[in-house]
Every structure is written in structure tokens, then in C-alpha cells.
């Protein structure tokens, strides 16, 4: 039903020649766009795999809102959709999805933990591991410094590896070999200089204003939003059946 509603919104926007902008604010972060340039510039070689952690702890009062313990109110729908959009933005379209989820800690109807495997059309693999019941510093919100509501850590939550090197962020480091690529040789790292975007949300609103007055086209389109929902739907289906789901 949600997918059909999204398709209707896109169709209506096209019919009425109205811009449709999806609120994935992370695309307005200077660090994210720097990583995209590194990947597109082949500095990492061919992308092989990625690992994303979204581990955080939601306090007891958070669940006083009943919708947060019902289907759709868990970390998959609330948190992971942003990670889905961002990894697709960086690595391209997804071909297959397989997922598992658990509610073993809080015992609510909705999940508190999930593990998602993505197989990209490029051949790259990605594992996204999410939980809102782990005391940890490793989630994008706690590492990116975009929102002052979350106390920032000096950790990374994204790790992307290729045949020539790897990158971690938001604590932005590039890992590489100076000579022969071998696990027997010392691997080096450079801190990539880019100003941390503590104005990401302001950048998003500024872009929104320019889209409204038709000075810019949406950076995140209705099609991008639909893509995230299709993958989210596949995650839910796979977590129930245990099967690999193909993304059409």
C-alpha cells in the first residue's frame, strides 16, 4: 500500500509539473559528498564491500508513544531508511536483499535489532547492522555532528572498501598501501581534510527554498524515495521468509 501511495505522489507531481523533494538530509553533508567524489574518482579501486553500523540505545520513555512499539515504528523504518538512501547514493542500485530481525530484548511486536545484506548490481556487497538497544558510539547520528541534539563522538559508522584502498567516515580516514598491496605490509592512513558539516540541516532547508522558487532541481527525487521504500519493503519480506528478495 505504501509503495502504491508513493507512486501516486510521483505521478501527481509529474502530471502537475511540480518539484518533489525527499527529506534525506544526509546528502547535504560535505563529508558524504567528499566520500562520493573519492569513490567516483576510483581512489578506492573497484568497490568490494561496505559495512554500516547503526547501534544506539533508545531510553524507556521513548516507547511511551504506542506507535513506536507497532509495525513500522522500529529502527528499520525510523532509522535505517536514511542509511539505505545514503549507501545507494554512494554505491548505486541494489539487486538483492536478505534480512533478519529480532525483538529478543524488549519483546515488543516491532523489531529492536536487524541485520541486512545488500547485493549491488556492481557486484559489491554491504552489511547494515542496526539496533536501538545497544549502548554504543557507532551510529551516524552520533558520529556526524549534524544535529546538536546528539552528543558527537570521534568514531566512524561507515566503512567502504575497494581493491586499492578503504575509507571510513564520518571520522574521515583513507587507508592504503604505499607499495605492494599485501596484508604483510604496513597499511597507512591519511586524515581527509574536509570541514565537518554542522550546517547540514541548514543546507537542506536552503536547498528546499531554492527548489520552491525553481532555482534548483531536487537533489533527492521522488524516485530516490521510492527506491528506499522498495528496499525497505524487501527487507520486511525477507525477514519474514528468510529468502533473498530480488529488487526489480
C-alpha atoms as a PDB file:
ATOM      1  CA  UNK A   1       0.000   0.000   0.000  1.00  0.00           C
ATOM      2  CA  UNK A   2       2.809   2.436   0.893  1.00  0.00           C
ATOM      3  CA  UNK A   3       4.553   1.780  -2.427  1.00  0.00           C
ATOM      4  CA  UNK A   4       1.343   2.485  -4.328  1.00  0.00           C
ATOM      5  CA  UNK A   5       0.866   5.729  -2.418  1.00  0.00           C
ATOM      6  CA  UNK A   6       4.409   6.804  -3.241  1.00  0.00           C
ATOM      7  CA  UNK A   7       3.860   6.032  -6.923  1.00  0.00           C
ATOM      8  CA  UNK A   8       0.669   8.141  -6.874  1.00  0.00           C
ATOM      9  CA  UNK A   9       2.566  11.061  -5.355  1.00  0.00           C
ATOM     10  CA  UNK A  10       5.267  10.823  -8.052  1.00  0.00           C
ATOM     11  CA  UNK A  11       2.632  10.555 -10.781  1.00  0.00           C
ATOM     12  CA  UNK A  12       0.759  13.581  -9.423  1.00  0.00           C
ATOM     13  CA  UNK A  13       3.963  15.638  -9.220  1.00  0.00           C
ATOM     14  CA  UNK A  14       4.832  14.769 -12.833  1.00  0.00           C
ATOM     15  CA  UNK A  15       1.318  15.477 -14.043  1.00  0.00           C
ATOM     16  CA  UNK A  16       1.236  18.882 -12.365  1.00  0.00           C
ATOM     17  CA  UNK A  17       4.859  19.689 -13.210  1.00  0.00           C
ATOM     18  CA  UNK A  18       5.630  20.147  -9.514  1.00  0.00           C
ATOM     19  CA  UNK A  19       9.028  19.501  -7.949  1.00  0.00           C
ATOM     20  CA  UNK A  20       9.106  16.595  -5.496  1.00  0.00           C
ATOM     21  CA  UNK A  21      11.882  16.658  -2.886  1.00  0.00           C
ATOM     22  CA  UNK A  22      12.525  13.877  -0.354  1.00  0.00           C
ATOM     23  CA  UNK A  23      13.893  14.812   3.084  1.00  0.00           C
ATOM     24  CA  UNK A  24      17.077  12.739   3.202  1.00  0.00           C
ATOM     25  CA  UNK A  25      19.229  15.411   4.811  1.00  0.00           C
ATOM     26  CA  UNK A  26      22.499  13.452   4.804  1.00  0.00           C
ATOM     27  CA  UNK A  27      23.054  14.182   1.142  1.00  0.00           C
ATOM     28  CA  UNK A  28      23.646  17.793   2.152  1.00  0.00           C
ATOM     29  CA  UNK A  29      26.640  16.865   4.327  1.00  0.00           C
ATOM     30  CA  UNK A  30      30.055  17.898   2.954  1.00  0.00           C
ATOM     31  CA  UNK A  31      31.614  14.661   4.272  1.00  0.00           C
ATOM     32  CA  UNK A  32      29.148  12.449   2.385  1.00  0.00           C
ATOM     33  CA  UNK A  33      29.738  14.326  -0.847  1.00  0.00           C
ATOM     34  CA  UNK A  34      33.512  14.114  -0.344  1.00  0.00           C
ATOM     35  CA  UNK A  35      33.255  10.325   0.017  1.00  0.00           C
ATOM     36  CA  UNK A  36      31.169  10.155  -3.154  1.00  0.00           C
ATOM     37  CA  UNK A  37      33.884  12.044  -5.063  1.00  0.00           C
ATOM     38  CA  UNK A  38      36.541   9.671  -3.690  1.00  0.00           C
ATOM     39  CA  UNK A  39      34.538   6.657  -4.884  1.00  0.00           C
ATOM     40  CA  UNK A  40      33.745   8.150  -8.289  1.00  0.00           C
ATOM     41  CA  UNK A  41      37.398   9.147  -8.704  1.00  0.00           C
ATOM     42  CA  UNK A  42      38.377   5.449  -8.364  1.00  0.00           C
ATOM     43  CA  UNK A  43      40.724   6.226  -5.475  1.00  0.00           C
ATOM     44  CA  UNK A  44      39.466   3.071  -3.743  1.00  0.00           C
ATOM     45  CA  UNK A  45      39.649   0.990  -6.923  1.00  0.00           C
ATOM     46  CA  UNK A  46      36.707  -1.318  -7.507  1.00  0.00           C
ATOM     47  CA  UNK A  47      34.351  -1.249  -4.530  1.00  0.00           C
ATOM     48  CA  UNK A  48      34.188  -4.703  -2.954  1.00  0.00           C
ATOM     49  CA  UNK A  49      32.182  -4.320   0.231  1.00  0.00           C
ATOM     50  CA  UNK A  50      30.775  -1.934   2.830  1.00  0.00           C
ATOM     51  CA  UNK A  51      29.881  -2.237   6.483  1.00  0.00           C
ATOM     52  CA  UNK A  52      27.433   0.083   8.244  1.00  0.00           C
ATOM     53  CA  UNK A  53      26.742   0.171  11.966  1.00  0.00           C
ATOM     54  CA  UNK A  54      23.712   1.873  13.450  1.00  0.00           C
ATOM     55  CA  UNK A  55      23.901   0.948  17.114  1.00  0.00           C
ATOM     56  CA  UNK A  56      22.196   3.216  19.615  1.00  0.00           C
ATOM     57  CA  UNK A  57      20.153   2.995  22.787  1.00  0.00           C
ATOM     58  CA  UNK A  58      16.655   4.469  22.991  1.00  0.00           C
ATOM     59  CA  UNK A  59      15.564   5.216  26.534  1.00  0.00           C
ATOM     60  CA  UNK A  60      12.449   3.720  28.127  1.00  0.00           C
ATOM     61  CA  UNK A  61      10.289   6.862  27.844  1.00  0.00           C
ATOM     62  CA  UNK A  62      10.771   6.860  24.077  1.00  0.00           C
ATOM     63  CA  UNK A  63       8.375   3.932  23.869  1.00  0.00           C
ATOM     64  CA  UNK A  64       5.519   5.668  25.692  1.00  0.00           C
ATOM     65  CA  UNK A  65       4.246   6.553  22.217  1.00  0.00           C
ATOM     66  CA  UNK A  66       2.366   3.380  21.279  1.00  0.00           C
ATOM     67  CA  UNK A  67       3.067   3.640  17.547  1.00  0.00           C
ATOM     68  CA  UNK A  68       6.749   3.107  18.361  1.00  0.00           C
ATOM     69  CA  UNK A  69       6.054  -0.455  19.510  1.00  0.00           C
ATOM     70  CA  UNK A  70       3.890  -1.306  16.480  1.00  0.00           C
ATOM     71  CA  UNK A  71       4.782  -2.351  12.927  1.00  0.00           C
ATOM     72  CA  UNK A  72       6.730   0.397  11.186  1.00  0.00           C
ATOM     73  CA  UNK A  73       7.777   2.089  14.424  1.00  0.00           C
ATOM     74  CA  UNK A  74      11.054   0.237  14.918  1.00  0.00           C
ATOM     75  CA  UNK A  75      14.607   1.159  13.905  1.00  0.00           C
ATOM     76  CA  UNK A  76      14.205  -0.283  10.399  1.00  0.00           C
ATOM     77  CA  UNK A  77      11.526   2.240   9.451  1.00  0.00           C
ATOM     78  CA  UNK A  78      12.668   5.130  11.635  1.00  0.00           C
ATOM     79  CA  UNK A  79      16.448   4.985  11.297  1.00  0.00           C
ATOM     80  CA  UNK A  80      17.643   2.593   8.599  1.00  0.00           C
ATOM     81  CA  UNK A  81      15.805   4.228   5.681  1.00  0.00           C
ATOM     82  CA  UNK A  82      18.355   7.061   5.844  1.00  0.00           C
ATOM     83  CA  UNK A  83      21.239   4.580   5.664  1.00  0.00           C
ATOM     84  CA  UNK A  84      19.562   2.788   2.739  1.00  0.00           C
ATOM     85  CA  UNK A  85      19.333   6.022   0.779  1.00  0.00           C
ATOM     86  CA  UNK A  86      22.907   7.021   1.557  1.00  0.00           C
ATOM     87  CA  UNK A  87      24.559   3.727   0.652  1.00  0.00           C
ATOM     88  CA  UNK A  88      22.590   3.637  -2.632  1.00  0.00           C
ATOM     89  CA  UNK A  89      23.693   7.225  -3.278  1.00  0.00           C
ATOM     90  CA  UNK A  90      27.310   6.137  -2.804  1.00  0.00           C
ATOM     91  CA  UNK A  91      27.344   2.633  -4.352  1.00  0.00           C
ATOM     92  CA  UNK A  92      24.477   2.595  -6.841  1.00  0.00           C
ATOM     93  CA  UNK A  93      21.441   0.343  -7.349  1.00  0.00           C
ATOM     94  CA  UNK A  94      20.735  -2.781  -5.289  1.00  0.00           C
ATOM     95  CA  UNK A  95      19.994  -6.120  -6.951  1.00  0.00           C
ATOM     96  CA  UNK A  96      19.182  -8.429  -3.994  1.00  0.00           C
ATOM     97  CA  UNK A  97      18.236  -8.046  -0.336  1.00  0.00           C
ATOM     98  CA  UNK A  98      18.309 -10.538   2.526  1.00  0.00           C
ATOM     99  CA  UNK A  99      17.492  -9.635   6.127  1.00  0.00           C
ATOM    100  CA  UNK A 100      16.905 -10.916   9.637  1.00  0.00           C
ATOM    101  CA  UNK A 101      15.305  -9.086  12.534  1.00  0.00           C
ATOM    102  CA  UNK A 102      14.764  -9.746  16.229  1.00  0.00           C
ATOM    103  CA  UNK A 103      12.746  -8.399  19.155  1.00  0.00           C
ATOM    104  CA  UNK A 104      14.515 -10.570  21.731  1.00  0.00           C
ATOM    105  CA  UNK A 105      15.496  -7.720  24.093  1.00  0.00           C
ATOM    106  CA  UNK A 106      12.355  -5.615  24.539  1.00  0.00           C
ATOM    107  CA  UNK A 107       9.844  -8.242  23.383  1.00  0.00           C
ATOM    108  CA  UNK A 108       7.661  -5.671  21.596  1.00  0.00           C
ATOM    109  CA  UNK A 109       5.865  -6.584  18.386  1.00  0.00           C
ATOM    110  CA  UNK A 110       8.284  -4.398  16.477  1.00  0.00           C
ATOM    111  CA  UNK A 111      11.961  -5.278  15.954  1.00  0.00           C
ATOM    112  CA  UNK A 112      14.727  -3.833  18.122  1.00  0.00           C
ATOM    113  CA  UNK A 113      17.605  -5.321  16.106  1.00  0.00           C
ATOM    114  CA  UNK A 114      18.146  -6.243  12.459  1.00  0.00           C
ATOM    115  CA  UNK A 115      20.869  -7.350  10.077  1.00  0.00           C
ATOM    116  CA  UNK A 116      20.529  -6.555   6.367  1.00  0.00           C
ATOM    117  CA  UNK A 117      22.639  -7.840   3.472  1.00  0.00           C
ATOM    118  CA  UNK A 118      22.629  -5.902   0.213  1.00  0.00           C
ATOM    119  CA  UNK A 119      23.967  -7.171  -3.114  1.00  0.00           C
ATOM    120  CA  UNK A 120      24.587  -4.308  -5.542  1.00  0.00           C
ATOM    121  CA  UNK A 121      24.335  -4.504  -9.318  1.00  0.00           C
ATOM    122  CA  UNK A 122      28.028  -3.587  -9.407  1.00  0.00           C
ATOM    123  CA  UNK A 123      28.822  -6.810  -7.537  1.00  0.00           C
ATOM    124  CA  UNK A 124      29.653  -5.030  -4.261  1.00  0.00           C
ATOM    125  CA  UNK A 125      28.254  -6.379  -1.003  1.00  0.00           C
ATOM    126  CA  UNK A 126      27.087  -4.448   2.048  1.00  0.00           C
ATOM    127  CA  UNK A 127      26.051  -5.375   5.562  1.00  0.00           C
ATOM    128  CA  UNK A 128      23.883  -2.995   7.579  1.00  0.00           C
ATOM    129  CA  UNK A 129      23.533  -3.851  11.242  1.00  0.00           C
ATOM    130  CA  UNK A 130      21.057  -1.848  13.298  1.00  0.00           C
ATOM    131  CA  UNK A 131      19.822  -1.921  16.871  1.00  0.00           C
ATOM    132  CA  UNK A 132      18.186   0.607  19.188  1.00  0.00           C
ATOM    133  CA  UNK A 133      19.024  -1.437  22.271  1.00  0.00           C
ATOM    134  CA  UNK A 134      22.853  -1.372  22.185  1.00  0.00           C
ATOM    135  CA  UNK A 135      24.871   1.063  24.283  1.00  0.00           C
ATOM    136  CA  UNK A 136      27.408   2.198  21.697  1.00  0.00           C
ATOM    137  CA  UNK A 137      29.025   5.235  19.993  1.00  0.00           C
ATOM    138  CA  UNK A 138      28.667   3.796  16.479  1.00  0.00           C
ATOM    139  CA  UNK A 139      25.748   5.342  14.649  1.00  0.00           C
ATOM    140  CA  UNK A 140      25.663   8.072  12.026  1.00  0.00           C
ATOM    141  CA  UNK A 141      23.729  10.451  14.273  1.00  0.00           C
ATOM    142  CA  UNK A 142      26.397  10.215  16.992  1.00  0.00           C
ATOM    143  CA  UNK A 143      29.362  10.445  14.609  1.00  0.00           C
ATOM    144  CA  UNK A 144      28.356  13.052  12.005  1.00  0.00           C
ATOM    145  CA  UNK A 145      27.654  16.020  14.270  1.00  0.00           C
ATOM    146  CA  UNK A 146      24.775  17.187  12.090  1.00  0.00           C
ATOM    147  CA  UNK A 147      22.261  17.629  14.890  1.00  0.00           C
ATOM    148  CA  UNK A 148      23.208  19.214  18.245  1.00  0.00           C
ATOM    149  CA  UNK A 149      20.551  17.054  19.925  1.00  0.00           C
ATOM    150  CA  UNK A 150      23.000  14.144  19.672  1.00  0.00           C
ATOM    151  CA  UNK A 151      26.343  14.375  21.541  1.00  0.00           C
ATOM    152  CA  UNK A 152      29.055  13.781  18.950  1.00  0.00           C
ATOM    153  CA  UNK A 153      31.677  11.020  19.229  1.00  0.00           C
ATOM    154  CA  UNK A 154      35.004  10.710  17.406  1.00  0.00           C
ATOM    155  CA  UNK A 155      34.064   7.356  15.870  1.00  0.00           C
ATOM    156  CA  UNK A 156      33.007   6.175  12.407  1.00  0.00           C
ATOM    157  CA  UNK A 157      29.933   4.189  11.465  1.00  0.00           C
ATOM    158  CA  UNK A 158      30.564   3.656   7.733  1.00  0.00           C
ATOM    159  CA  UNK A 159      33.358   1.573   6.238  1.00  0.00           C
ATOM    160  CA  UNK A 160      33.707   1.204   2.454  1.00  0.00           C
ATOM    161  CA  UNK A 161      36.458  -0.956   0.964  1.00  0.00           C
ATOM    162  CA  UNK A 162      37.879  -1.357  -2.513  1.00  0.00           C
ATOM    163  CA  UNK A 163      40.754  -3.092  -4.269  1.00  0.00           C
ATOM    164  CA  UNK A 164      43.062  -0.070  -3.883  1.00  0.00           C
ATOM    165  CA  UNK A 165      42.001   1.315  -0.519  1.00  0.00           C
ATOM    166  CA  UNK A 166      39.286   1.897   2.034  1.00  0.00           C
ATOM    167  CA  UNK A 167      37.535   4.849   3.602  1.00  0.00           C
ATOM    168  CA  UNK A 168      35.828   5.302   6.943  1.00  0.00           C
ATOM    169  CA  UNK A 169      33.518   8.149   7.900  1.00  0.00           C
ATOM    170  CA  UNK A 170      32.236  10.468   9.361  1.00  0.00           C
ATOM    171  CA  UNK A 171      35.669  10.310  11.120  1.00  0.00           C
ATOM    172  CA  UNK A 172      37.136  10.598   7.665  1.00  0.00           C
ATOM    173  CA  UNK A 173      40.219   8.463   7.012  1.00  0.00           C
ATOM    174  CA  UNK A 174      41.613   6.929   3.828  1.00  0.00           C
ATOM    175  CA  UNK A 175      43.524   3.631   4.199  1.00  0.00           C
ATOM    176  CA  UNK A 176      46.047   2.469   1.584  1.00  0.00           C
ATOM    177  CA  UNK A 177      49.383   0.752   0.904  1.00  0.00           C
ATOM    178  CA  UNK A 178      52.353   2.848  -0.191  1.00  0.00           C
ATOM    179  CA  UNK A 179      53.988  -0.047  -2.001  1.00  0.00           C
ATOM    180  CA  UNK A 180      52.744  -3.568  -2.702  1.00  0.00           C
ATOM    181  CA  UNK A 181      49.192  -4.255  -1.516  1.00  0.00           C
ATOM    182  CA  UNK A 182      49.605  -7.068   0.987  1.00  0.00           C
ATOM    183  CA  UNK A 183      48.407  -7.801   4.486  1.00  0.00           C
ATOM    184  CA  UNK A 184      52.062  -8.485   5.323  1.00  0.00           C
ATOM    185  CA  UNK A 185      52.933  -4.860   4.597  1.00  0.00           C
ATOM    186  CA  UNK A 186      52.111  -1.858   6.734  1.00  0.00           C
ATOM    187  CA  UNK A 187      48.875  -0.142   5.799  1.00  0.00           C
ATOM    188  CA  UNK A 188      48.843   3.654   6.045  1.00  0.00           C
ATOM    189  CA  UNK A 189      46.075   6.152   6.605  1.00  0.00           C
ATOM    190  CA  UNK A 190      45.524   9.813   5.862  1.00  0.00           C
ATOM    191  CA  UNK A 191      43.017  12.076   7.516  1.00  0.00           C
ATOM    192  CA  UNK A 192      40.989  13.554   4.671  1.00  0.00           C
ATOM    193  CA  UNK A 193      40.595  17.262   5.205  1.00  0.00           C
ATOM    194  CA  UNK A 194      37.015  18.399   4.789  1.00  0.00           C
ATOM    195  CA  UNK A 195      35.129  20.707   7.062  1.00  0.00           C
ATOM    196  CA  UNK A 196      32.577  18.797   9.144  1.00  0.00           C
ATOM    197  CA  UNK A 197      29.164  19.949   8.074  1.00  0.00           C
ATOM    198  CA  UNK A 198      27.476  21.198  11.230  1.00  0.00           C
ATOM    199  CA  UNK A 199      25.142  23.124   8.946  1.00  0.00           C
ATOM    200  CA  UNK A 200      23.753  20.088   7.113  1.00  0.00           C
ATOM    201  CA  UNK A 201      20.182  20.788   8.192  1.00  0.00           C
ATOM    202  CA  UNK A 202      20.559  24.444   7.218  1.00  0.00           C
ATOM    203  CA  UNK A 203      21.925  23.354   3.840  1.00  0.00           C
ATOM    204  CA  UNK A 204      18.868  21.160   3.394  1.00  0.00           C
ATOM    205  CA  UNK A 205      16.420  23.987   4.137  1.00  0.00           C
ATOM    206  CA  UNK A 206      18.377  26.331   1.865  1.00  0.00           C
ATOM    207  CA  UNK A 207      18.118  23.781  -0.943  1.00  0.00           C
ATOM    208  CA  UNK A 208      14.397  23.320  -0.234  1.00  0.00           C
ATOM    209  CA  UNK A 209      13.869  27.080  -0.590  1.00  0.00           C
ATOM    210  CA  UNK A 210      15.698  27.128  -3.916  1.00  0.00           C
ATOM    211  CA  UNK A 211      13.633  24.198  -5.180  1.00  0.00           C
ATOM    212  CA  UNK A 212      10.424  26.043  -4.244  1.00  0.00           C
ATOM    213  CA  UNK A 213      11.424  29.134  -6.228  1.00  0.00           C
ATOM    214  CA  UNK A 214      12.708  26.898  -9.051  1.00  0.00           C
ATOM    215  CA  UNK A 215      16.358  27.926  -8.768  1.00  0.00           C
ATOM    216  CA  UNK A 216      17.476  24.328  -8.242  1.00  0.00           C
ATOM    217  CA  UNK A 217      16.233  20.853  -9.058  1.00  0.00           C
ATOM    218  CA  UNK A 218      15.691  18.387  -6.180  1.00  0.00           C
ATOM    219  CA  UNK A 219      18.877  16.606  -5.086  1.00  0.00           C
ATOM    220  CA  UNK A 220      16.757  13.767  -3.709  1.00  0.00           C
ATOM    221  CA  UNK A 221      13.907  12.944  -6.068  1.00  0.00           C
ATOM    222  CA  UNK A 222      10.653  11.063  -5.670  1.00  0.00           C
ATOM    223  CA  UNK A 223      12.305   8.174  -7.499  1.00  0.00           C
ATOM    224  CA  UNK A 224      15.039   8.105  -4.842  1.00  0.00           C
ATOM    225  CA  UNK A 225      12.407   7.971  -2.125  1.00  0.00           C
ATOM    226  CA  UNK A 226      10.551   5.188  -3.893  1.00  0.00           C
ATOM    227  CA  UNK A 227      13.797   3.217  -4.251  1.00  0.00           C
ATOM    228  CA  UNK A 228      14.348   3.337  -0.485  1.00  0.00           C
ATOM    229  CA  UNK A 229      10.784   2.155   0.160  1.00  0.00           C
ATOM    230  CA  UNK A 230      11.157  -0.721  -2.310  1.00  0.00           C
ATOM    231  CA  UNK A 231      14.301  -1.892  -0.499  1.00  0.00           C
ATOM    232  CA  UNK A 232      12.612  -1.391   2.884  1.00  0.00           C
ATOM    233  CA  UNK A 233       9.678  -3.499   1.700  1.00  0.00           C
ATOM    234  CA  UNK A 234      12.091  -6.210   0.525  1.00  0.00           C
ATOM    235  CA  UNK A 235      13.818  -6.149   3.925  1.00  0.00           C
ATOM    236  CA  UNK A 236      10.495  -6.793   5.676  1.00  0.00           C
ATOM    237  CA  UNK A 237       9.576  -9.591   3.270  1.00  0.00           C
ATOM    238  CA  UNK A 238      12.979 -11.257   3.577  1.00  0.00           C
ATOM    239  CA  UNK A 239      12.988 -11.037   7.385  1.00  0.00           C
ATOM    240  CA  UNK A 240       9.696 -12.956   7.427  1.00  0.00           C
ATOM    241  CA  UNK A 241      10.549 -15.580   4.808  1.00  0.00           C
ATOM    242  CA  UNK A 242      14.316 -15.827   5.254  1.00  0.00           C
ATOM    243  CA  UNK A 243      14.642 -15.707   1.473  1.00  0.00           C
ATOM    244  CA  UNK A 244      16.725 -13.485  -0.795  1.00  0.00           C
ATOM    245  CA  UNK A 245      14.493 -10.869  -2.456  1.00  0.00           C
ATOM    246  CA  UNK A 246      15.237  -9.501  -5.915  1.00  0.00           C
ATOM    247  CA  UNK A 247      14.848  -5.751  -6.447  1.00  0.00           C
ATOM    248  CA  UNK A 248      13.199  -5.105  -9.801  1.00  0.00           C
END
